[in-house]
Amino acid sequence: MASVSASHLILFIASMMVAASVAGVFTDSIGQLSNAVSEQGLDVSSEVRTDIEVISDAGSDAIYNTSGDDNITLHVKNTGSEDLGAEPGQMDLFVDGRYARTFGVTLLDDGVVWRPGTVVRLEISHSLSPGDHRVKVVVNGDEEVFKFRT
């Protein structure tokens, strides 16, 4: 009889150790999942509050080559509720489907942050042939496409 009790005690201790290790793994996994969901929520919240609008006139002669150096000039307004970065590293531009690497951003007010309701001027160095063109502006997950003709 004593051998049965001893084997039951060994099995009970082993099962408790397995249960404790499984509980530890689940606790760690749930903690990581919780952190990931929190970070995703912050990112989505920022994207929802971000909205931009290209306010340049597509029919104007002031879009392309106004200074004679093959620049595309666009005015973009922050119509969301989020402050945005007004530097080339904070936005992505595509001209006719190609990533634009060389462009400048100028705030048209005296601030250092692109606040809601304010406008930036984008100067994109890119030669274009006559015809229809598209510029896609991506800021903080929000995309705007501007179509014009040269």
C-alpha atoms as a PDB file:
ATOM      1  CA  MET A   1       0.000   0.000   0.000  1.00  0.00           C
ATOM      2  CA  ALA A   2       2.788   2.384   0.807  1.00  0.00           C
ATOM      3  CA  SER A   3       4.183   1.966  -2.689  1.00  0.00           C
ATOM      4  CA  VAL A   4       0.829   3.013  -4.214  1.00  0.00           C
ATOM      5  CA  SER A   5       0.733   6.140  -2.055  1.00  0.00           C
ATOM      6  CA  ALA A   6       4.313   6.981  -2.954  1.00  0.00           C
ATOM      7  CA  SER A   7       3.656   6.579  -6.687  1.00  0.00           C
ATOM      8  CA  HIS A   8       0.475   8.688  -6.396  1.00  0.00           C
ATOM      9  CA  LEU A   9       2.478  11.365  -4.580  1.00  0.00           C
ATOM     10  CA  ILE A  10       5.148  11.363  -7.306  1.00  0.00           C
ATOM     11  CA  LEU A  11       2.500  11.613 -10.048  1.00  0.00           C
ATOM     12  CA  PHE A  12       0.717  14.407  -8.158  1.00  0.00           C
ATOM     13  CA  ILE A  13       3.944  16.410  -7.766  1.00  0.00           C
ATOM     14  CA  ALA A  14       4.848  15.868 -11.430  1.00  0.00           C
ATOM     15  CA  SER A  15       1.406  16.990 -12.608  1.00  0.00           C
ATOM     16  CA  MET A  16       1.612  20.108 -10.403  1.00  0.00           C
ATOM     17  CA  MET A  17       5.008  20.961 -11.916  1.00  0.00           C
ATOM     18  CA  VAL A  18       3.649  20.532 -15.455  1.00  0.00           C
ATOM     19  CA  ALA A  19       0.583  22.650 -14.614  1.00  0.00           C
ATOM     20  CA  ALA A  20       2.778  25.397 -13.112  1.00  0.00           C
ATOM     21  CA  SER A  21       5.044  25.505 -16.160  1.00  0.00           C
ATOM     22  CA  VAL A  22       2.053  25.624 -18.549  1.00  0.00           C
ATOM     23  CA  ALA A  23       0.518  28.430 -16.492  1.00  0.00           C
ATOM     24  CA  GLY A  24       3.808  30.338 -16.653  1.00  0.00           C
ATOM     25  CA  VAL A  25       3.964  30.021 -20.447  1.00  0.00           C
ATOM     26  CA  PHE A  26       0.337  31.133 -20.823  1.00  0.00           C
ATOM     27  CA  THR A  27       0.876  34.109 -18.517  1.00  0.00           C
ATOM     28  CA  ASP A  28       3.902  35.266 -20.536  1.00  0.00           C
ATOM     29  CA  SER A  29       2.104  34.778 -23.865  1.00  0.00           C
ATOM     30  CA  ILE A  30      -0.965  36.672 -22.682  1.00  0.00           C
ATOM     31  CA  GLY A  31       1.239  39.524 -21.452  1.00  0.00           C
ATOM     32  CA  GLN A  32       2.959  39.784 -24.854  1.00  0.00           C
ATOM     33  CA  LEU A  33      -0.397  39.659 -26.645  1.00  0.00           C
ATOM     34  CA  SER A  34      -1.758  42.405 -24.412  1.00  0.00           C
ATOM     35  CA  ASN A  35       1.232  44.655 -25.168  1.00  0.00           C
ATOM     36  CA  ALA A  36       0.878  44.031 -28.915  1.00  0.00           C
ATOM     37  CA  VAL A  37      -2.837  44.880 -28.847  1.00  0.00           C
ATOM     38  CA  SER A  38      -2.115  48.100 -26.920  1.00  0.00           C
ATOM     39  CA  GLU A  39       0.569  49.181 -29.415  1.00  0.00           C
ATOM     40  CA  GLN A  40      -1.700  48.357 -32.369  1.00  0.00           C
ATOM     41  CA  GLY A  41      -4.478  50.408 -30.779  1.00  0.00           C
ATOM     42  CA  LEU A  42      -2.209  53.440 -30.477  1.00  0.00           C
ATOM     43  CA  ASP A  43      -1.118  53.107 -34.125  1.00  0.00           C
ATOM     44  CA  VAL A  44      -4.695  52.786 -35.368  1.00  0.00           C
ATOM     45  CA  SER A  45      -5.777  55.751 -33.252  1.00  0.00           C
ATOM     46  CA  SER A  46      -3.033  57.894 -34.779  1.00  0.00           C
ATOM     47  CA  GLU A  47      -3.958  56.783 -38.311  1.00  0.00           C
ATOM     48  CA  VAL A  48      -7.642  57.547 -37.733  1.00  0.00           C
ATOM     49  CA  ARG A  49      -6.822  61.091 -36.602  1.00  0.00           C
ATOM     50  CA  THR A  50      -4.553  61.659 -39.622  1.00  0.00           C
ATOM     51  CA  ASP A  51      -6.065  63.171 -42.758  1.00  0.00           C
ATOM     52  CA  ILE A  52      -4.451  65.197 -45.523  1.00  0.00           C
ATOM     53  CA  GLU A  53      -5.809  66.841 -48.642  1.00  0.00           C
ATOM     54  CA  VAL A  54      -3.936  68.046 -51.729  1.00  0.00           C
ATOM     55  CA  ILE A  55      -5.372  71.514 -52.308  1.00  0.00           C
ATOM     56  CA  SER A  56      -3.407  72.456 -55.428  1.00  0.00           C
ATOM     57  CA  ASP A  57      -5.400  73.257 -58.564  1.00  0.00           C
ATOM     58  CA  ALA A  58      -4.873  70.442 -61.094  1.00  0.00           C
ATOM     59  CA  GLY A  59      -5.624  72.775 -64.017  1.00  0.00           C
ATOM     60  CA  SER A  60      -3.116  75.422 -62.960  1.00  0.00           C
ATOM     61  CA  ASP A  61       0.222  76.107 -64.619  1.00  0.00           C
ATOM     62  CA  ALA A  62       1.725  76.413 -61.124  1.00  0.00           C
ATOM     63  CA  ILE A  63       2.014  72.627 -60.654  1.00  0.00           C
ATOM     64  CA  TYR A  64       4.944  71.723 -62.907  1.00  0.00           C
ATOM     65  CA  ASN A  65       8.102  73.545 -63.947  1.00  0.00           C
ATOM     66  CA  THR A  66       7.123  76.928 -62.501  1.00  0.00           C
ATOM     67  CA  SER A  67      10.733  77.755 -61.621  1.00  0.00           C
ATOM     68  CA  GLY A  68      12.184  76.204 -64.786  1.00  0.00           C
ATOM     69  CA  ASP A  69      13.914  73.308 -63.019  1.00  0.00           C
ATOM     70  CA  ASP A  70      11.406  70.479 -63.612  1.00  0.00           C
ATOM     71  CA  ASN A  71       9.876  70.615 -60.123  1.00  0.00           C
ATOM     72  CA  ILE A  72       6.376  69.473 -59.212  1.00  0.00           C
ATOM     73  CA  THR A  73       4.898  71.889 -56.669  1.00  0.00           C
ATOM     74  CA  LEU A  74       1.961  70.735 -54.528  1.00  0.00           C
ATOM     75  CA  HIS A  75       0.183  72.300 -51.581  1.00  0.00           C
ATOM     76  CA  VAL A  76      -1.074  69.796 -48.998  1.00  0.00           C
ATOM     77  CA  LYS A  77      -3.338  70.673 -46.063  1.00  0.00           C
ATOM     78  CA  ASN A  78      -3.516  68.801 -42.764  1.00  0.00           C
ATOM     79  CA  THR A  79      -7.288  68.283 -42.443  1.00  0.00           C
ATOM     80  CA  GLY A  80      -7.067  65.780 -39.576  1.00  0.00           C
ATOM     81  CA  SER A  81      -6.774  66.338 -35.840  1.00  0.00           C
ATOM     82  CA  GLU A  82      -3.201  65.003 -35.449  1.00  0.00           C
ATOM     83  CA  ASP A  83       0.012  67.075 -35.530  1.00  0.00           C
ATOM     84  CA  LEU A  84       2.213  65.690 -38.322  1.00  0.00           C
ATOM     85  CA  GLY A  85       5.909  65.805 -39.092  1.00  0.00           C
ATOM     86  CA  ALA A  86       6.762  68.159 -41.940  1.00  0.00           C
ATOM     87  CA  GLU A  87      10.016  66.538 -43.035  1.00  0.00           C
ATOM     88  CA  PRO A  88      10.747  64.306 -46.028  1.00  0.00           C
ATOM     89  CA  GLY A  89      11.362  61.344 -43.699  1.00  0.00           C
ATOM     90  CA  GLN A  90       7.813  61.612 -42.352  1.00  0.00           C
ATOM     91  CA  MET A  91       6.064  61.127 -45.691  1.00  0.00           C
ATOM     92  CA  ASP A  92       6.338  59.077 -48.842  1.00  0.00           C
ATOM     93  CA  LEU A  93       5.750  60.357 -52.373  1.00  0.00           C
ATOM     94  CA  PHE A  94       5.186  58.457 -55.595  1.00  0.00           C
ATOM     95  CA  VAL A  95       5.232  60.146 -59.010  1.00  0.00           C
ATOM     96  CA  ASP A  96       3.587  58.051 -61.714  1.00  0.00           C
ATOM     97  CA  GLY A  97       4.082  54.962 -59.543  1.00  0.00           C
ATOM     98  CA  ARG A  98       7.776  55.563 -58.830  1.00  0.00           C
ATOM     99  CA  TYR A  99       9.081  56.414 -55.388  1.00  0.00           C
ATOM    100  CA  ALA A 100      10.255  60.030 -55.229  1.00  0.00           C
ATOM    101  CA  ARG A 101      13.492  60.301 -53.242  1.00  0.00           C
ATOM    102  CA  THR A 102      14.285  63.971 -53.788  1.00  0.00           C
ATOM    103  CA  PHE A 103      11.744  66.432 -52.462  1.00  0.00           C
ATOM    104  CA  GLY A 104      11.511  69.318 -50.049  1.00  0.00           C
ATOM    105  CA  VAL A 105       8.813  70.228 -47.540  1.00  0.00           C
ATOM    106  CA  THR A 106       8.114  73.813 -46.492  1.00  0.00           C
ATOM    107  CA  LEU A 107       5.611  74.819 -43.806  1.00  0.00           C
ATOM    108  CA  LEU A 108       3.621  77.827 -44.958  1.00  0.00           C
ATOM    109  CA  ASP A 109       3.179  79.168 -41.422  1.00  0.00           C
ATOM    110  CA  ASP A 110       5.838  79.988 -38.856  1.00  0.00           C
ATOM    111  CA  GLY A 111       5.529  76.734 -36.895  1.00  0.00           C
ATOM    112  CA  VAL A 112       7.838  73.756 -36.665  1.00  0.00           C
ATOM    113  CA  VAL A 113       5.042  71.150 -36.634  1.00  0.00           C
ATOM    114  CA  TRP A 114       2.435  70.584 -39.333  1.00  0.00           C
ATOM    115  CA  ARG A 115      -0.647  71.415 -37.250  1.00  0.00           C
ATOM    116  CA  PRO A 116      -4.261  70.707 -38.239  1.00  0.00           C
ATOM    117  CA  GLY A 117      -5.544  73.328 -40.671  1.00  0.00           C
ATOM    118  CA  THR A 118      -2.102  74.379 -41.911  1.00  0.00           C
ATOM    119  CA  VAL A 119      -0.528  73.844 -45.331  1.00  0.00           C
ATOM    120  CA  VAL A 120       2.840  72.581 -46.536  1.00  0.00           C
ATOM    121  CA  ARG A 121       4.408  73.061 -49.955  1.00  0.00           C
ATOM    122  CA  LEU A 122       6.034  70.010 -51.524  1.00  0.00           C
ATOM    123  CA  GLU A 123       8.763  70.581 -54.126  1.00  0.00           C
ATOM    124  CA  ILE A 124       9.423  67.309 -55.943  1.00  0.00           C
ATOM    125  CA  SER A 125      12.432  67.124 -58.275  1.00  0.00           C
ATOM    126  CA  HIS A 126      11.171  65.009 -61.164  1.00  0.00           C
ATOM    127  CA  SER A 127      11.225  65.460 -64.951  1.00  0.00           C
ATOM    128  CA  LEU A 128       7.929  64.742 -66.665  1.00  0.00           C
ATOM    129  CA  SER A 129       6.951  64.193 -70.268  1.00  0.00           C
ATOM    130  CA  PRO A 130       3.812  65.883 -71.636  1.00  0.00           C
ATOM    131  CA  GLY A 131       0.620  64.051 -70.685  1.00  0.00           C
ATOM    132  CA  ASP A 132      -1.313  62.847 -67.640  1.00  0.00           C
ATOM    133  CA  HIS A 133       0.479  62.269 -64.337  1.00  0.00           C
ATOM    134  CA  ARG A 134      -0.257  61.204 -60.765  1.00  0.00           C
ATOM    135  CA  VAL A 135       1.373  62.036 -57.452  1.00  0.00           C
ATOM    136  CA  LYS A 136       0.539  59.894 -54.439  1.00  0.00           C
ATOM    137  CA  VAL A 137       1.254  61.406 -51.011  1.00  0.00           C
ATOM    138  CA  VAL A 138       1.360  59.056 -47.998  1.00  0.00           C
ATOM    139  CA  VAL A 139       1.519  60.515 -44.486  1.00  0.00           C
ATOM    140  CA  ASN A 140       1.083  58.377 -41.371  1.00  0.00           C
ATOM    141  CA  GLY A 141      -0.926  55.771 -43.299  1.00  0.00           C
ATOM    142  CA  ASP A 142      -3.237  58.288 -44.997  1.00  0.00           C
ATOM    143  CA  GLU A 143      -2.985  58.376 -48.800  1.00  0.00           C
ATOM    144  CA  GLU A 144      -3.976  61.096 -51.250  1.00  0.00           C
ATOM    145  CA  VAL A 145      -3.668  60.877 -55.022  1.00  0.00           C
ATOM    146  CA  PHE A 146      -3.355  64.025 -57.136  1.00  0.00           C
ATOM    147  CA  LYS A 147      -3.831  63.835 -60.907  1.00  0.00           C
ATOM    148  CA  PHE A 148      -2.711  66.553 -63.316  1.00  0.00           C
ATOM    149  CA  ARG A 149      -1.670  67.136 -66.913  1.00  0.00           C
ATOM    150  CA  THR A 150       1.527  68.736 -68.220  1.00  0.00           C
END
